[in-house]
Amino acid sequence: MARGAGGYANARKTLRGDVSFEGCGIHSGARASVRLSPLRDGRGIWFSLASRLYRREEARTADTDRCTAVRFPGGEKLRTVEHLMSAIAGVGLDDVVIEADGEEIPILDGSALPFAEAIVDRGFEESEGEVRLPGLASPVCVDAGRASIAAFPSEEPRITYVIDYPDACVGVEMKDVEITPENYMREVAPARTFVMRSEIESLRASGLGLGGSERSVMIIGGRSDRPPDYRVERECAAHKVSDLLGDLAVAGCFVSAHYVCICGGHWLHSRLADRIGSMIAIRNR
């Protein structure tokens, strides 16, 4: 059974020690670093920014243009949080302080794998209290025309993601994964972010992707081009699974459900998180 699903309680987990990462921000191109530190009192996920400490619950989605950016009460903004938050949720880390130096999380190799591997290698220890992955009482859906997303009650957390790029060599892909730490490490975490070759110039002209390179981004060509060498089966769809998990985690809305998304992105993930968050708030009144 997936960790915490179906109402079963598990001991909370924190890190055995600090873990640090350095690199560049994929959009800013500036040097960026982040450190994860243990939090043993069962208080959840905290962000340390500019010498201020914030609970994850204080983060508000500020931007969903090609990444997820969050803003905090003091005005601090942190971009590209989704890969790190995906790793934290995917491996089941409950209590941690995220200390970021700068306004963006480093992109590293473009996937959540370096974060997830470092967390697992450092190891876990129990922190105070127990954790349950909440369930979903009824379906939640967001329909945005060609794109749609839904969450259905499920004993186990699962993500099914369909992408369709008719003008690109990847075409249609579907990834279906039950979210357990083992499945996450094998099928989701290695999946890299990707961009259409035809979009690169316009993205950089708008100030995005300035730190991207072939070391951190899969570049996808047109229909007649050779597909990239994948790390995992259906890697582009798998990366979307990672993004969705990270976006739900940063919003505090990853519940035990079967998530189904068609042609979505960060903006649609955020709308679903808002709907689930509203349901959780009503239930907790």
Protein backbone atom coordinates (compact mmCIF):
# COMPACT_ATOMS: atom_id res chain seq x y z
CA MET A 1 0.00 0.00 0.00
CA ALA A 2 1.21 3.48 -0.80
CA ARG A 3 2.61 5.41 2.09
CA GLY A 4 -0.15 6.94 4.17
CA ALA A 5 -2.93 6.10 1.69
CA GLY A 6 -6.39 5.00 2.67
CA GLY A 7 -6.20 6.59 6.09
CA TYR A 8 -3.43 4.38 7.46
CA ALA A 9 -1.10 6.29 9.76
CA ASN A 10 2.68 6.22 9.36
CA ALA A 11 5.48 7.74 11.36
CA ARG A 12 6.55 11.13 10.06
CA LYS A 13 9.93 11.28 8.33
CA THR A 14 12.66 13.88 8.23
CA LEU A 15 16.25 13.85 6.98
CA ARG A 16 19.20 12.46 8.90
CA GLY A 17 21.23 15.53 7.94
CA ASP A 18 21.57 18.44 5.54
CA VAL A 19 21.55 18.06 1.76
CA SER A 20 22.72 20.86 -0.54
CA PHE A 21 22.40 21.54 -4.27
CA GLU A 22 24.02 24.13 -6.52
CA GLY A 23 23.52 25.00 -10.16
CA CYS A 24 21.80 27.60 -12.27
CA GLY A 25 18.21 28.66 -12.62
CA ILE A 26 16.72 27.43 -15.89
CA HIS A 27 14.91 30.70 -16.53
CA SER A 28 17.13 33.34 -14.92
CA GLY A 29 20.42 31.72 -15.87
CA ALA A 30 21.78 32.93 -12.51
CA ARG A 31 23.62 30.76 -10.01
CA ALA A 32 21.24 29.17 -7.53
CA SER A 33 21.56 26.97 -4.48
CA VAL A 34 19.24 25.27 -2.02
CA ARG A 35 19.78 23.35 1.20
CA LEU A 36 17.44 20.88 2.86
CA SER A 37 17.71 20.53 6.63
CA PRO A 38 16.06 18.17 9.14
CA LEU A 39 13.00 19.29 11.07
CA ARG A 40 12.32 16.84 13.88
CA ASP A 41 9.27 18.34 15.58
CA GLY A 42 6.67 17.23 13.06
CA ARG A 43 5.90 20.73 11.75
CA GLY A 44 5.86 19.92 8.04
CA ILE A 45 7.62 21.78 5.23
CA TRP A 46 9.13 25.23 5.78
CA PHE A 47 10.93 27.69 3.49
CA SER A 48 13.83 29.85 4.61
CA LEU A 49 14.21 32.89 2.34
CA ALA A 50 16.22 36.05 2.98
CA SER A 51 16.57 35.09 6.67
CA ARG A 52 12.80 34.71 7.03
CA LEU A 53 11.07 31.44 7.79
CA TYR A 54 7.71 30.55 6.26
CA ARG A 55 5.38 27.57 6.51
CA ARG A 56 4.57 25.89 3.21
CA GLU A 57 0.96 26.93 3.82
CA GLU A 58 2.00 30.58 3.47
CA ALA A 59 3.21 30.08 -0.11
CA ARG A 60 0.88 31.34 -2.84
CA THR A 61 1.18 30.52 -6.51
CA ALA A 62 2.45 33.63 -8.25
CA ASP A 63 3.20 32.40 -11.77
CA THR A 64 2.70 29.27 -13.85
CA ASP A 65 4.45 30.35 -17.06
CA ARG A 66 6.77 27.42 -17.88
CA CYS A 67 7.36 26.71 -14.20
CA THR A 68 5.68 27.10 -10.85
CA ALA A 69 6.65 30.20 -8.89
CA VAL A 70 5.41 30.94 -5.38
CA ARG A 71 5.31 34.14 -3.38
CA PHE A 72 5.54 34.55 0.38
CA PRO A 73 4.08 37.16 2.79
CA GLY A 74 7.31 39.15 2.92
CA GLY A 75 7.28 39.59 -0.86
CA GLU A 76 9.91 36.91 -1.58
CA LYS A 77 9.37 34.93 -4.78
CA LEU A 78 10.78 31.49 -5.55
CA ARG A 79 10.63 30.02 -9.05
CA THR A 80 10.85 26.47 -10.40
CA VAL A 81 9.89 24.78 -7.13
CA GLU A 82 8.07 21.87 -8.78
CA HIS A 83 10.96 19.42 -9.27
CA LEU A 84 12.19 19.71 -5.69
CA MET A 85 8.67 19.47 -4.29
CA SER A 86 7.98 16.49 -6.53
CA ALA A 87 11.01 14.71 -5.08
CA ILE A 88 9.99 15.54 -1.50
CA ALA A 89 6.47 14.18 -2.06
CA GLY A 90 7.59 11.25 -4.19
CA VAL A 91 10.00 9.78 -1.64
CA GLY A 92 7.78 10.60 1.34
CA LEU A 93 9.70 13.32 3.18
CA ASP A 94 7.30 14.97 5.63
CA ASP A 95 9.31 17.48 7.68
CA VAL A 96 12.08 19.64 6.21
CA VAL A 97 13.39 23.20 5.96
CA ILE A 98 14.08 24.37 2.40
CA GLU A 99 16.65 27.18 2.45
CA ALA A 100 16.98 28.86 -0.94
CA ASP A 101 19.68 31.34 -1.90
CA GLY A 102 18.21 33.41 -4.69
CA GLU A 103 14.87 33.46 -6.48
CA GLU A 104 15.03 30.14 -8.31
CA ILE A 105 15.67 26.49 -7.47
CA PRO A 106 18.61 25.11 -9.51
CA ILE A 107 17.54 23.07 -12.53
CA LEU A 108 20.38 20.50 -12.20
CA ASP A 109 19.77 17.88 -14.92
CA GLY A 110 16.19 18.97 -15.58
CA SER A 111 14.58 16.19 -13.58
CA ALA A 112 13.65 15.51 -9.96
CA LEU A 113 16.13 12.63 -9.76
CA PRO A 114 19.17 14.48 -8.29
CA PHE A 115 16.95 15.83 -5.50
CA ALA A 116 15.28 12.47 -4.83
CA GLU A 117 18.54 10.48 -4.89
CA ALA A 118 20.29 12.88 -2.51
CA ILE A 119 17.36 12.74 -0.07
CA VAL A 120 17.27 8.94 -0.13
CA ASP A 121 21.07 8.67 0.14
CA ARG A 122 21.15 10.98 3.17
CA GLY A 123 18.52 8.78 4.80
CA PHE A 124 15.47 9.30 6.96
CA GLU A 125 14.73 9.34 10.64
CA GLU A 126 11.41 9.56 12.42
CA SER A 127 10.12 12.93 13.55
CA GLU A 128 7.31 13.64 15.97
CA GLY A 129 3.78 12.49 15.24
CA GLU A 130 2.08 10.55 12.49
CA VAL A 131 1.04 11.38 8.94
CA ARG A 132 -1.89 10.28 6.83
CA LEU A 133 -2.37 11.00 3.17
CA PRO A 134 -5.89 12.46 3.13
CA GLY A 135 -8.53 10.91 0.92
CA LEU A 136 -10.89 12.56 -1.54
CA ALA A 137 -14.62 12.42 -0.80
CA SER A 138 -15.89 13.15 -4.33
CA PRO A 139 -14.50 13.77 -7.82
CA VAL A 140 -13.01 17.16 -8.67
CA CYS A 141 -12.75 18.28 -12.29
CA VAL A 142 -11.46 21.27 -14.23
CA ASP A 143 -12.35 21.49 -17.93
CA ALA A 144 -10.45 23.99 -20.01
CA GLY A 145 -11.46 22.97 -23.51
CA ARG A 146 -8.71 20.90 -25.12
CA ALA A 147 -7.08 20.49 -21.70
CA SER A 148 -8.73 18.93 -18.68
CA ILE A 149 -7.81 17.50 -15.30
CA ALA A 150 -9.71 15.51 -12.71
CA ALA A 151 -9.13 13.77 -9.40
CA PHE A 152 -11.23 10.76 -8.41
CA PRO A 153 -11.45 9.09 -4.99
CA SER A 154 -8.94 6.25 -4.76
CA GLU A 155 -7.41 4.10 -2.04
CA GLU A 156 -4.02 4.63 -3.66
CA PRO A 157 -2.55 7.82 -5.16
CA ARG A 158 -2.20 7.40 -8.92
CA ILE A 159 -1.49 9.75 -11.82
CA THR A 160 -2.48 9.18 -15.44
CA TYR A 161 -1.17 11.86 -17.79
CA VAL A 162 -1.79 12.21 -21.52
CA ILE A 163 0.11 14.64 -23.74
CA ASP A 164 -0.47 15.41 -27.41
CA TYR A 165 2.02 17.38 -29.50
CA PRO A 166 0.79 16.79 -33.06
CA ASP A 167 3.55 18.87 -34.67
CA ALA A 168 6.38 17.26 -32.68
CA CYS A 169 8.16 13.93 -32.91
CA VAL A 170 6.79 12.81 -29.53
CA GLY A 171 3.17 12.92 -30.68
CA VAL A 172 0.80 11.34 -28.15
CA GLU A 173 2.13 9.79 -24.93
CA MET A 174 0.42 8.44 -21.84
CA LYS A 175 2.03 7.68 -18.48
CA ASP A 176 0.10 5.86 -15.77
CA VAL A 177 1.83 5.45 -12.39
CA GLU A 178 0.74 4.44 -8.92
CA ILE A 179 2.67 6.84 -6.70
CA THR A 180 4.82 4.83 -4.33
CA PRO A 181 8.42 5.74 -3.45
CA GLU A 182 9.67 2.78 -5.50
CA ASN A 183 7.61 3.60 -8.58
CA TYR A 184 8.46 7.25 -8.25
CA MET A 185 12.22 6.65 -8.23
CA ARG A 186 12.04 4.24 -11.16
CA GLU A 187 9.42 5.76 -13.46
CA VAL A 188 8.96 9.44 -12.62
CA ALA A 189 11.98 11.08 -10.98
CA PRO A 190 14.39 10.48 -13.92
CA ALA A 191 12.10 12.23 -16.42
CA ARG A 192 13.56 15.52 -17.68
CA THR A 193 11.88 18.76 -18.59
CA PHE A 194 11.48 19.34 -22.31
CA VAL A 195 10.95 22.10 -24.83
CA MET A 196 9.97 22.24 -28.49
CA ARG A 197 12.87 23.38 -30.64
CA SER A 198 10.53 25.79 -32.40
CA GLU A 199 9.79 27.57 -29.09
CA ILE A 200 13.33 28.23 -27.87
CA GLU A 201 13.90 31.56 -29.61
CA SER A 202 10.61 33.09 -28.47
CA LEU A 203 11.06 31.84 -24.91
CA ARG A 204 14.48 33.45 -24.60
CA ALA A 205 13.19 36.66 -26.16
CA SER A 206 10.62 36.81 -23.36
CA GLY A 207 13.28 36.26 -20.69
CA LEU A 208 12.63 32.55 -20.09
CA GLY A 209 14.93 29.56 -20.49
CA LEU A 210 18.10 31.66 -20.21
CA GLY A 211 19.81 28.93 -18.16
CA GLY A 212 18.62 25.98 -20.20
CA SER A 213 20.96 23.76 -22.20
CA GLU A 214 21.01 20.26 -23.63
CA ARG A 215 22.45 19.13 -20.27
CA SER A 216 19.24 20.12 -18.50
CA VAL A 217 16.48 20.11 -21.10
CA MET A 218 15.27 17.60 -23.68
CA ILE A 219 14.91 19.42 -26.98
CA ILE A 220 12.02 18.06 -29.02
CA GLY A 221 12.03 18.43 -32.78
CA GLY A 222 9.32 18.31 -35.40
CA ARG A 223 7.37 15.34 -36.68
CA SER A 224 10.08 14.31 -39.13
CA ASP A 225 12.89 14.55 -36.55
CA ARG A 226 14.34 11.66 -34.60
CA PRO A 227 12.85 11.40 -31.09
CA PRO A 228 15.28 12.02 -28.22
CA ASP A 229 16.87 9.16 -26.32
CA TYR A 230 14.61 8.57 -23.35
CA ARG A 231 15.73 7.69 -19.83
CA VAL A 232 12.35 6.17 -18.98
CA GLU A 233 9.44 4.98 -21.09
CA ARG A 234 7.30 7.88 -22.35
CA GLU A 235 9.60 10.37 -20.67
CA CYS A 236 7.78 13.53 -21.72
CA ALA A 237 4.51 12.32 -20.20
CA ALA A 238 6.43 11.05 -17.15
CA HIS A 239 7.86 14.52 -16.60
CA LYS A 240 4.33 15.91 -16.63
CA VAL A 241 3.49 13.39 -13.89
CA SER A 242 6.42 14.77 -11.90
CA ASP A 243 5.28 18.36 -12.46
CA LEU A 244 1.74 17.59 -11.35
CA LEU A 245 2.94 15.86 -8.19
CA GLY A 246 5.23 18.79 -7.38
CA ASP A 247 2.54 21.39 -8.01
CA LEU A 248 0.06 19.57 -5.77
CA ALA A 249 2.71 19.16 -3.07
CA VAL A 250 3.66 22.84 -2.95
CA ALA A 251 -0.03 23.71 -2.67
CA GLY A 252 -0.53 21.14 0.11
CA CYS A 253 -3.20 19.43 -2.00
CA PHE A 254 -1.65 16.04 -2.79
CA VAL A 255 -4.36 13.69 -1.52
CA SER A 256 -5.01 10.00 -2.12
CA ALA A 257 -6.79 10.16 -5.48
CA HIS A 258 -6.53 9.01 -9.07
CA TYR A 259 -5.48 12.09 -11.02
CA VAL A 260 -6.16 12.14 -14.74
CA CYS A 261 -4.80 15.01 -16.82
CA ILE A 262 -5.04 15.55 -20.57
CA CYS A 263 -2.85 18.14 -22.28
CA GLY A 264 -2.34 20.08 -19.08
CA GLY A 265 0.39 22.21 -17.57
CA HIS A 266 1.26 24.16 -14.44
CA TRP A 267 -1.67 26.55 -14.85
CA LEU A 268 -4.16 23.65 -14.95
CA HIS A 269 -2.48 21.84 -12.06
CA SER A 270 -2.83 25.04 -10.03
CA ARG A 271 -6.54 25.27 -10.76
CA LEU A 272 -7.10 21.69 -9.62
CA ALA A 273 -5.08 22.36 -6.46
CA ASP A 274 -7.31 25.36 -5.73
CA ARG A 275 -10.42 23.18 -6.05
CA ILE A 276 -9.03 20.44 -3.82
CA GLY A 277 -7.80 23.03 -1.31
CA SER A 278 -11.30 24.50 -1.08
CA MET A 279 -12.76 21.06 -0.41
CA ILE A 280 -10.17 20.38 2.31
CA ALA A 281 -10.92 23.74 3.94
CA ILE A 282 -14.67 23.03 3.98
CA ARG A 283 -14.12 19.56 5.42
CA ASN A 284 -11.86 20.91 8.19
CA ARG A 285 -14.27 23.64 9.37
